[in-house]
Amino acid sequence: MSFLEKVKQREAEKQRRQDEIQKKMPEWAQAVGQLCILIRKLVQPEVRRSGDNSAPRAQRGTCRVDGFQLETLKITDEPEGKNATVKPLSLSDPKAQGAVGCVLLEGQDQVYRLLWDGKSHAVPDHWQIVDSDGDTKALTEDTLDETLETIFGLREKAPKTPTRRIRFDE
């Protein structure tokens, strides 16, 4: 194969990957939106509407990822002065590590990766939480609540216990 053929082949592969990303983006946008709804539900319970200002606030925002507008969140705990952000990454970002998509949940001193398997935009059974130690758990309301409590200092990080690594291609 000549140099020119190799360059053309590499460019065709690059274009194929970009086409795959563009096909998956509407589903990714829906999945991120559903995840943000769940996080807002956990952060801003009904008590917020009754005038309790001690609960954290989730402020919605947007960012452009791979040409699509995706939702972001900034979670602020006013009395404590702590913040966390929820930010989706590009589908081609290496932080996804074998998953289709990755959302970063960043606290002031901790970063969690929320990995999407790409099979459905629904949250249950299609997301994983990966902590800074690489431990992986299925994302449920309970595990997400524990993660948020850890980020905001309401819970000590659980001692490291042996866990089974979950791979999306199993």
N, C-alpha and C. Protein backbone atom coordinates (compact mmCIF):
# COMPACT_ATOMS: atom_id res chain seq x y z
N MET A 1 0.85 -1.17 0.00
CA MET A 1 0.00 0.00 0.00
C MET A 1 0.90 1.24 0.00
N SER A 2 0.58 2.15 -0.88
CA SER A 2 1.40 3.35 -1.00
C SER A 2 1.08 4.34 0.12
N PHE A 3 1.94 5.34 0.23
CA PHE A 3 1.77 6.38 1.24
C PHE A 3 0.42 7.07 1.08
N LEU A 4 0.07 7.43 -0.15
CA LEU A 4 -1.18 8.12 -0.42
C LEU A 4 -2.38 7.24 -0.04
N GLU A 5 -2.33 5.97 -0.34
CA GLU A 5 -3.41 5.06 0.03
C GLU A 5 -3.56 4.95 1.55
N LYS A 6 -2.43 4.92 2.27
CA LYS A 6 -2.48 4.86 3.73
C LYS A 6 -3.10 6.14 4.31
N VAL A 7 -2.75 7.28 3.75
CA VAL A 7 -3.32 8.55 4.21
C VAL A 7 -4.83 8.56 3.95
N LYS A 8 -5.24 8.12 2.76
CA LYS A 8 -6.66 8.07 2.44
C LYS A 8 -7.40 7.12 3.36
N GLN A 9 -6.78 5.98 3.65
CA GLN A 9 -7.40 5.01 4.55
C GLN A 9 -7.55 5.59 5.96
N ARG A 10 -6.53 6.27 6.45
CA ARG A 10 -6.57 6.88 7.77
C ARG A 10 -7.66 7.96 7.83
N GLU A 11 -7.76 8.77 6.78
CA GLU A 11 -8.79 9.81 6.73
C GLU A 11 -10.20 9.21 6.66
N ALA A 12 -10.34 8.12 5.92
CA ALA A 12 -11.65 7.45 5.83
C ALA A 12 -12.04 6.89 7.19
N GLU A 13 -11.09 6.32 7.92
CA GLU A 13 -11.36 5.80 9.27
C GLU A 13 -11.75 6.93 10.22
N LYS A 14 -11.05 8.03 10.14
CA LYS A 14 -11.35 9.20 10.97
C LYS A 14 -12.76 9.71 10.67
N GLN A 15 -13.13 9.78 9.40
CA GLN A 15 -14.47 10.22 9.01
C GLN A 15 -15.53 9.24 9.48
N ARG A 16 -15.24 7.94 9.43
CA ARG A 16 -16.18 6.92 9.89
C ARG A 16 -16.45 7.08 11.39
N ARG A 17 -15.39 7.33 12.18
CA ARG A 17 -15.55 7.55 13.63
C ARG A 17 -16.39 8.79 13.90
N GLN A 18 -16.14 9.87 13.16
CA GLN A 18 -16.92 11.10 13.33
C GLN A 18 -18.39 10.87 12.98
N ASP A 19 -18.65 10.09 11.93
CA ASP A 19 -20.03 9.78 11.54
C ASP A 19 -20.73 8.98 12.64
N GLU A 20 -20.02 8.02 13.25
CA GLU A 20 -20.58 7.24 14.35
C GLU A 20 -20.94 8.14 15.53
N ILE A 21 -20.06 9.07 15.85
CA ILE A 21 -20.32 10.00 16.94
C ILE A 21 -21.55 10.84 16.65
N GLN A 22 -21.66 11.36 15.42
CA GLN A 22 -22.80 12.19 15.06
C GLN A 22 -24.11 11.41 15.11
N LYS A 23 -24.07 10.12 14.78
CA LYS A 23 -25.27 9.29 14.84
C LYS A 23 -25.70 9.05 16.30
N LYS A 24 -24.72 8.96 17.20
CA LYS A 24 -25.00 8.66 18.61
C LYS A 24 -25.34 9.90 19.42
N MET A 25 -25.02 11.09 18.92
CA MET A 25 -25.18 12.32 19.71
C MET A 25 -26.61 12.59 20.18
N PRO A 26 -27.65 12.39 19.37
CA PRO A 26 -29.00 12.64 19.91
C PRO A 26 -29.31 11.76 21.13
N GLU A 27 -28.91 10.49 21.07
CA GLU A 27 -29.10 9.60 22.21
C GLU A 27 -28.27 10.05 23.41
N TRP A 28 -27.04 10.50 23.15
CA TRP A 28 -26.16 10.99 24.21
C TRP A 28 -26.78 12.22 24.88
N ALA A 29 -27.33 13.13 24.08
CA ALA A 29 -27.97 14.32 24.63
C ALA A 29 -29.16 13.93 25.51
N GLN A 30 -29.95 12.95 25.07
CA GLN A 30 -31.08 12.48 25.88
C GLN A 30 -30.60 11.83 27.17
N ALA A 31 -29.56 11.01 27.07
CA ALA A 31 -29.03 10.32 28.25
C ALA A 31 -28.50 11.32 29.27
N VAL A 32 -27.78 12.33 28.81
CA VAL A 32 -27.25 13.36 29.71
C VAL A 32 -28.41 14.12 30.34
N GLY A 33 -29.43 14.43 29.57
CA GLY A 33 -30.59 15.13 30.10
C GLY A 33 -31.29 14.33 31.19
N GLN A 34 -31.46 13.03 30.96
CA GLN A 34 -32.09 12.17 31.97
C GLN A 34 -31.24 12.07 33.24
N LEU A 35 -29.93 12.00 33.07
CA LEU A 35 -29.03 11.97 34.22
C LEU A 35 -29.15 13.27 35.02
N CYS A 36 -29.18 14.39 34.34
CA CYS A 36 -29.29 15.69 35.02
C CYS A 36 -30.62 15.83 35.75
N ILE A 37 -31.68 15.29 35.18
CA ILE A 37 -32.98 15.30 35.87
C ILE A 37 -32.89 14.52 37.17
N LEU A 38 -32.25 13.35 37.14
CA LEU A 38 -32.08 12.55 38.35
C LEU A 38 -31.25 13.30 39.39
N ILE A 39 -30.17 13.91 38.96
CA ILE A 39 -29.32 14.64 39.91
C ILE A 39 -30.09 15.82 40.52
N ARG A 40 -30.81 16.56 39.69
CA ARG A 40 -31.61 17.68 40.23
C ARG A 40 -32.64 17.18 41.22
N LYS A 41 -33.25 16.05 40.94
CA LYS A 41 -34.25 15.46 41.83
C LYS A 41 -33.62 15.13 43.19
N LEU A 42 -32.41 14.60 43.17
CA LEU A 42 -31.73 14.27 44.43
C LEU A 42 -31.24 15.51 45.17
N VAL A 43 -30.78 16.50 44.43
CA VAL A 43 -30.20 17.69 45.05
C VAL A 43 -31.28 18.65 45.53
N GLN A 44 -32.34 18.80 44.77
CA GLN A 44 -33.39 19.76 45.10
C GLN A 44 -34.69 19.03 45.40
N PRO A 45 -34.81 18.46 46.58
CA PRO A 45 -36.04 17.74 46.91
C PRO A 45 -37.21 18.71 47.05
N GLU A 46 -38.38 18.15 47.22
CA GLU A 46 -39.60 18.97 47.34
C GLU A 46 -39.49 20.00 48.45
N VAL A 47 -38.66 19.72 49.48
CA VAL A 47 -38.50 20.65 50.60
C VAL A 47 -37.99 22.01 50.12
N ARG A 48 -37.25 22.03 49.01
CA ARG A 48 -36.74 23.28 48.43
C ARG A 48 -37.91 24.19 48.07
N ARG A 49 -38.96 23.62 47.53
CA ARG A 49 -40.11 24.41 47.10
C ARG A 49 -40.88 24.98 48.28
N SER A 50 -40.71 24.37 49.45
CA SER A 50 -41.42 24.87 50.63
C SER A 50 -40.66 25.99 51.33
N GLY A 51 -39.55 26.44 50.75
CA GLY A 51 -38.84 27.60 51.30
C GLY A 51 -37.61 27.26 52.11
N ASP A 52 -37.20 26.00 52.16
CA ASP A 52 -36.00 25.63 52.90
C ASP A 52 -34.78 26.01 52.07
N ASN A 53 -34.04 27.03 52.51
CA ASN A 53 -32.88 27.51 51.76
C ASN A 53 -31.58 26.83 52.16
N SER A 54 -31.64 25.84 53.06
CA SER A 54 -30.40 25.17 53.47
C SER A 54 -30.01 24.05 52.51
N ALA A 55 -30.93 23.62 51.65
CA ALA A 55 -30.61 22.55 50.71
C ALA A 55 -29.73 23.09 49.59
N PRO A 56 -28.89 22.24 49.04
CA PRO A 56 -28.05 22.68 47.90
C PRO A 56 -28.92 23.08 46.71
N ARG A 57 -28.36 23.89 45.84
CA ARG A 57 -29.05 24.34 44.63
C ARG A 57 -28.34 23.76 43.42
N ALA A 58 -29.13 23.37 42.43
CA ALA A 58 -28.58 22.89 41.16
C ALA A 58 -28.95 23.90 40.09
N GLN A 59 -27.94 24.54 39.54
CA GLN A 59 -28.15 25.55 38.50
C GLN A 59 -27.85 24.91 37.16
N ARG A 60 -28.83 24.98 36.25
CA ARG A 60 -28.67 24.39 34.93
C ARG A 60 -27.85 25.31 34.03
N GLY A 61 -27.15 24.69 33.12
CA GLY A 61 -26.41 25.40 32.10
C GLY A 61 -26.34 24.51 30.87
N THR A 62 -25.63 24.98 29.87
CA THR A 62 -25.43 24.17 28.67
C THR A 62 -24.00 24.31 28.19
N CYS A 63 -23.58 23.33 27.44
CA CYS A 63 -22.27 23.40 26.78
C CYS A 63 -22.41 22.72 25.43
N ARG A 64 -21.54 23.07 24.53
CA ARG A 64 -21.54 22.48 23.20
C ARG A 64 -20.52 21.35 23.16
N VAL A 65 -21.00 20.16 22.80
CA VAL A 65 -20.14 18.98 22.72
C VAL A 65 -20.40 18.31 21.37
N ASP A 66 -19.36 18.17 20.59
CA ASP A 66 -19.47 17.54 19.27
C ASP A 66 -20.60 18.15 18.43
N GLY A 67 -20.79 19.46 18.56
CA GLY A 67 -21.79 20.16 17.77
C GLY A 67 -23.20 20.13 18.33
N PHE A 68 -23.39 19.52 19.49
CA PHE A 68 -24.72 19.45 20.11
C PHE A 68 -24.72 20.20 21.43
N GLN A 69 -25.86 20.78 21.75
CA GLN A 69 -26.05 21.49 23.01
C GLN A 69 -26.43 20.45 24.08
N LEU A 70 -25.61 20.32 25.14
CA LEU A 70 -25.89 19.38 26.21
C LEU A 70 -26.03 20.12 27.54
N GLU A 71 -26.80 19.53 28.43
CA GLU A 71 -27.05 20.15 29.73
C GLU A 71 -25.84 19.94 30.66
N THR A 72 -25.57 20.96 31.46
CA THR A 72 -24.57 20.87 32.53
C THR A 72 -25.27 21.32 33.81
N LEU A 73 -24.66 21.02 34.94
CA LEU A 73 -25.19 21.45 36.23
C LEU A 73 -24.07 22.01 37.08
N LYS A 74 -24.40 23.02 37.86
CA LYS A 74 -23.50 23.50 38.91
C LYS A 74 -24.29 23.37 40.20
N ILE A 75 -23.79 22.56 41.10
CA ILE A 75 -24.46 22.31 42.37
C ILE A 75 -23.73 23.11 43.44
N THR A 76 -24.48 23.93 44.16
CA THR A 76 -23.88 24.80 45.17
C THR A 76 -24.55 24.56 46.51
N ASP A 77 -23.73 24.36 47.53
CA ASP A 77 -24.21 24.24 48.90
C ASP A 77 -23.88 25.57 49.58
N GLU A 78 -24.83 26.49 49.58
CA GLU A 78 -24.61 27.86 50.06
C GLU A 78 -24.00 27.93 51.47
N PRO A 79 -24.60 27.27 52.47
CA PRO A 79 -24.06 27.43 53.83
C PRO A 79 -22.61 26.96 53.95
N GLU A 80 -22.25 25.91 53.23
CA GLU A 80 -20.91 25.35 53.33
C GLU A 80 -19.94 25.96 52.32
N GLY A 81 -20.46 26.58 51.29
CA GLY A 81 -19.63 27.18 50.26
C GLY A 81 -18.96 26.16 49.35
N LYS A 82 -19.52 24.97 49.25
CA LYS A 82 -18.95 23.92 48.41
C LYS A 82 -19.71 23.86 47.09
N ASN A 83 -18.98 23.51 46.03
CA ASN A 83 -19.55 23.43 44.69
C ASN A 83 -19.19 22.10 44.04
N ALA A 84 -20.01 21.69 43.11
CA ALA A 84 -19.71 20.54 42.26
C ALA A 84 -20.27 20.85 40.88
N THR A 85 -19.66 20.31 39.85
CA THR A 85 -20.15 20.51 38.49
C THR A 85 -20.39 19.16 37.83
N VAL A 86 -21.37 19.14 36.96
CA VAL A 86 -21.70 17.96 36.15
C VAL A 86 -21.49 18.40 34.71
N LYS A 87 -20.52 17.77 34.05
CA LYS A 87 -20.16 18.21 32.70
C LYS A 87 -19.97 17.01 31.77
N PRO A 88 -20.77 16.93 30.70
CA PRO A 88 -20.59 15.85 29.73
C PRO A 88 -19.35 16.09 28.86
N LEU A 89 -18.73 15.00 28.48
CA LEU A 89 -17.55 15.06 27.61
C LEU A 89 -17.91 14.56 26.22
N SER A 90 -17.02 14.78 25.30
CA SER A 90 -17.19 14.30 23.94
C SER A 90 -17.26 12.78 23.94
N LEU A 91 -18.01 12.22 23.01
CA LEU A 91 -18.10 10.77 22.90
C LEU A 91 -16.76 10.14 22.54
N SER A 92 -15.84 10.92 22.03
CA SER A 92 -14.53 10.38 21.68
C SER A 92 -13.50 10.60 22.79
N ASP A 93 -13.92 11.13 23.94
CA ASP A 93 -12.99 11.41 25.03
C ASP A 93 -12.44 10.11 25.61
N PRO A 94 -11.14 10.02 25.83
CA PRO A 94 -10.54 8.79 26.36
C PRO A 94 -10.95 8.47 27.80
N LYS A 95 -11.51 9.42 28.52
CA LYS A 95 -11.93 9.15 29.90
C LYS A 95 -13.08 8.16 29.96
N ALA A 96 -13.76 7.93 28.85
CA ALA A 96 -14.87 6.98 28.83
C ALA A 96 -14.39 5.54 29.02
N GLN A 97 -13.16 5.25 28.68
CA GLN A 97 -12.53 3.94 28.88
C GLN A 97 -13.44 2.76 28.57
N GLY A 98 -13.80 2.59 27.33
CA GLY A 98 -14.58 1.45 26.91
C GLY A 98 -16.09 1.67 26.92
N ALA A 99 -16.55 2.73 27.56
CA ALA A 99 -17.97 3.06 27.53
C ALA A 99 -18.23 3.94 26.33
N VAL A 100 -19.48 4.24 26.07
CA VAL A 100 -19.80 5.09 24.93
C VAL A 100 -19.63 6.56 25.30
N GLY A 101 -20.09 6.95 26.50
CA GLY A 101 -20.01 8.35 26.90
C GLY A 101 -19.58 8.50 28.36
N CYS A 102 -19.10 9.71 28.68
CA CYS A 102 -18.62 9.99 30.03
C CYS A 102 -19.06 11.39 30.46
N VAL A 103 -19.55 11.48 31.69
CA VAL A 103 -19.90 12.75 32.32
C VAL A 103 -19.02 12.87 33.55
N LEU A 104 -18.39 14.03 33.72
CA LEU A 104 -17.58 14.25 34.93
C LEU A 104 -18.44 14.89 36.01
N LEU A 105 -18.33 14.35 37.21
CA LEU A 105 -18.95 14.93 38.39
C LEU A 105 -17.78 15.35 39.28
N GLU A 106 -17.50 16.67 39.25
CA GLU A 106 -16.31 17.19 39.92
C GLU A 106 -16.68 17.99 41.16
N GLY A 107 -16.13 17.55 42.29
CA GLY A 107 -16.23 18.31 43.52
C GLY A 107 -14.96 19.13 43.67
N GLN A 108 -14.79 19.75 44.83
CA GLN A 108 -13.60 20.59 45.01
C GLN A 108 -12.32 19.77 45.07
N ASP A 109 -12.39 18.55 45.58
CA ASP A 109 -11.17 17.74 45.65
C ASP A 109 -11.39 16.31 45.17
N GLN A 110 -12.50 16.06 44.49
CA GLN A 110 -12.80 14.71 44.01
C GLN A 110 -13.42 14.78 42.62
N VAL A 111 -13.11 13.78 41.83
CA VAL A 111 -13.71 13.69 40.49
C VAL A 111 -14.24 12.27 40.32
N TYR A 112 -15.47 12.20 39.91
CA TYR A 112 -16.10 10.92 39.59
C TYR A 112 -16.44 10.92 38.11
N ARG A 113 -16.29 9.77 37.48
CA ARG A 113 -16.69 9.63 36.09
C ARG A 113 -17.99 8.83 36.06
N LEU A 114 -18.97 9.35 35.38
CA LEU A 114 -20.25 8.67 35.19
C LEU A 114 -20.24 8.15 33.76
N LEU A 115 -20.22 6.84 33.60
CA LEU A 115 -20.05 6.23 32.28
C LEU A 115 -21.37 5.67 31.77
N TRP A 116 -21.64 5.96 30.51
CA TRP A 116 -22.87 5.52 29.85
C TRP A 116 -22.56 4.40 28.88
N ASP A 117 -23.39 3.36 28.88
CA ASP A 117 -23.14 2.22 28.01
C ASP A 117 -23.66 2.38 26.58
N GLY A 118 -24.47 3.41 26.32
CA GLY A 118 -24.93 3.70 24.96
C GLY A 118 -26.11 2.88 24.50
N LYS A 119 -26.67 2.03 25.36
CA LYS A 119 -27.77 1.16 24.94
C LYS A 119 -29.14 1.82 25.06
N SER A 120 -29.28 2.76 25.98
CA SER A 120 -30.56 3.43 26.18
C SER A 120 -30.30 4.78 26.84
N HIS A 121 -31.21 5.75 26.64
CA HIS A 121 -31.04 7.03 27.29
C HIS A 121 -31.53 6.99 28.74
N ALA A 122 -32.20 5.90 29.13
CA ALA A 122 -32.69 5.77 30.50
C ALA A 122 -31.52 5.63 31.46
N VAL A 123 -31.70 6.14 32.68
CA VAL A 123 -30.60 6.09 33.65
C VAL A 123 -30.43 4.70 34.26
N PRO A 124 -31.49 4.07 34.77
CA PRO A 124 -31.28 2.77 35.43
C PRO A 124 -30.65 1.74 34.49
N ASP A 125 -29.68 1.04 35.00
CA ASP A 125 -29.00 -0.07 34.30
C ASP A 125 -28.11 0.34 33.13
N HIS A 126 -27.93 1.64 32.88
CA HIS A 126 -27.12 2.04 31.74
C HIS A 126 -25.99 3.00 32.10
N TRP A 127 -25.80 3.27 33.37
CA TRP A 127 -24.75 4.16 33.83
C TRP A 127 -23.94 3.50 34.94
N GLN A 128 -22.67 3.85 35.01
CA GLN A 128 -21.78 3.38 36.08
C GLN A 128 -21.10 4.58 36.71
N ILE A 129 -20.77 4.49 37.99
CA ILE A 129 -19.99 5.54 38.68
C ILE A 129 -18.60 4.97 38.92
N VAL A 130 -17.59 5.73 38.50
CA VAL A 130 -16.20 5.33 38.72
C VAL A 130 -15.55 6.41 39.58
N ASP A 131 -15.02 6.01 40.74
CA ASP A 131 -14.38 6.99 41.62
C ASP A 131 -12.91 7.17 41.24
N SER A 132 -12.22 8.01 41.98
CA SER A 132 -10.82 8.33 41.66
C SER A 132 -9.90 7.13 41.83
N ASP A 133 -10.33 6.13 42.61
CA ASP A 133 -9.53 4.91 42.79
C ASP A 133 -9.79 3.89 41.69
N GLY A 134 -10.76 4.18 40.82
CA GLY A 134 -11.09 3.25 39.74
C GLY A 134 -12.16 2.25 40.11
N ASP A 135 -12.73 2.37 41.33
CA ASP A 135 -13.80 1.46 41.73
C ASP A 135 -15.08 1.82 40.99
N THR A 136 -15.78 0.80 40.52
CA THR A 136 -16.97 1.01 39.69
C THR A 136 -18.20 0.45 40.39
N LYS A 137 -19.29 1.24 40.35
CA LYS A 137 -20.58 0.80 40.89
C LYS A 137 -21.65 1.15 39.87
N ALA A 138 -22.73 0.38 39.88
CA ALA A 138 -23.88 0.73 39.04
C ALA A 138 -24.46 2.04 39.57
N LEU A 139 -24.86 2.92 38.68
CA LEU A 139 -25.46 4.18 39.09
C LEU A 139 -26.94 3.95 39.39
N THR A 140 -27.29 4.15 40.65
CA THR A 140 -28.67 4.11 41.11
C THR A 140 -28.91 5.38 41.90
N GLU A 141 -30.14 5.62 42.30
CA GLU A 141 -30.40 6.79 43.14
C GLU A 141 -29.56 6.73 44.41
N ASP A 142 -29.45 5.54 45.00
CA ASP A 142 -28.70 5.39 46.25
C ASP A 142 -27.20 5.64 46.06
N THR A 143 -26.60 5.05 45.01
CA THR A 143 -25.16 5.25 44.82
C THR A 143 -24.84 6.68 44.41
N LEU A 144 -25.73 7.30 43.64
CA LEU A 144 -25.53 8.70 43.27
C LEU A 144 -25.68 9.59 44.50
N ASP A 145 -26.65 9.29 45.36
CA ASP A 145 -26.84 10.06 46.59
C ASP A 145 -25.59 9.93 47.49
N GLU A 146 -25.05 8.73 47.61
CA GLU A 146 -23.83 8.53 48.40
C GLU A 146 -22.67 9.33 47.82
N THR A 147 -22.54 9.33 46.51
CA THR A 147 -21.47 10.07 45.84
C THR A 147 -21.60 11.56 46.11
N LEU A 148 -22.82 12.10 45.99
CA LEU A 148 -23.03 13.52 46.26
C LEU A 148 -22.75 13.84 47.73
N GLU A 149 -23.15 12.96 48.64
CA GLU A 149 -22.86 13.18 50.06
C GLU A 149 -21.35 13.20 50.31
N THR A 150 -20.62 12.33 49.63
CA THR A 150 -19.17 12.30 49.77
C THR A 150 -18.55 13.59 49.24
N ILE A 151 -19.00 14.04 48.07
CA ILE A 151 -18.47 15.27 47.48
C ILE A 151 -18.69 16.46 48.40
N PHE A 152 -19.86 16.53 49.03
CA PHE A 152 -20.18 17.67 49.88
C PHE A 152 -19.80 17.47 51.34
N GLY A 153 -19.03 16.42 51.62
CA GLY A 153 -18.50 16.23 52.97
C GLY A 153 -19.52 15.75 53.99
N LEU A 154 -20.62 15.21 53.54
CA LEU A 154 -21.64 14.71 54.46
C LEU A 154 -21.43 13.24 54.79
N ARG A 155 -20.47 12.62 54.13
CA ARG A 155 -20.18 11.21 54.33
C ARG A 155 -18.69 11.01 54.05
N GLU A 156 -18.06 10.20 54.87
CA GLU A 156 -16.67 9.84 54.61
C GLU A 156 -16.65 8.86 53.45
N LYS A 157 -15.61 8.95 52.65
CA LYS A 157 -15.48 8.00 51.56
C LYS A 157 -15.35 6.61 52.15
N ALA A 158 -16.14 5.69 51.64
CA ALA A 158 -16.14 4.34 52.18
C ALA A 158 -14.76 3.72 52.05
N PRO A 159 -14.37 2.90 53.05
CA PRO A 159 -13.07 2.24 52.94
C PRO A 159 -13.06 1.35 51.71
N LYS A 160 -11.88 1.23 51.15
CA LYS A 160 -11.74 0.47 49.92
C LYS A 160 -12.01 -1.00 50.20
N THR A 161 -12.96 -1.55 49.47
CA THR A 161 -13.28 -2.97 49.57
C THR A 161 -13.09 -3.58 48.20
N PRO A 162 -12.76 -4.85 48.17
CA PRO A 162 -12.58 -5.48 46.86
C PRO A 162 -13.90 -5.44 46.09
N THR A 163 -13.83 -4.96 44.86
CA THR A 163 -15.01 -4.92 44.01
C THR A 163 -14.71 -5.56 42.67
N ARG A 164 -15.74 -6.00 42.04
CA ARG A 164 -15.59 -6.57 40.71
C ARG A 164 -15.66 -5.45 39.70
N ARG A 165 -14.71 -5.37 38.82
CA ARG A 165 -14.72 -4.36 37.76
C ARG A 165 -15.80 -4.73 36.76
N ILE A 166 -16.63 -3.76 36.42
CA ILE A 166 -17.70 -3.99 35.47
C ILE A 166 -17.26 -3.47 34.12
N ARG A 167 -17.34 -4.34 33.14
CA ARG A 167 -16.97 -3.94 31.78
C ARG A 167 -18.23 -3.89 30.94
N PHE A 168 -18.30 -2.91 30.06
CA PHE A 168 -19.49 -2.74 29.25
C PHE A 168 -19.59 -3.79 28.16
N ASP A 169 -18.49 -4.42 27.81
CA ASP A 169 -18.53 -5.37 26.70
C ASP A 169 -18.78 -6.81 27.17
N GLU A 170 -19.16 -6.98 28.44
CA GLU A 170 -19.43 -8.33 28.95
C GLU A 170 -20.76 -8.83 28.46
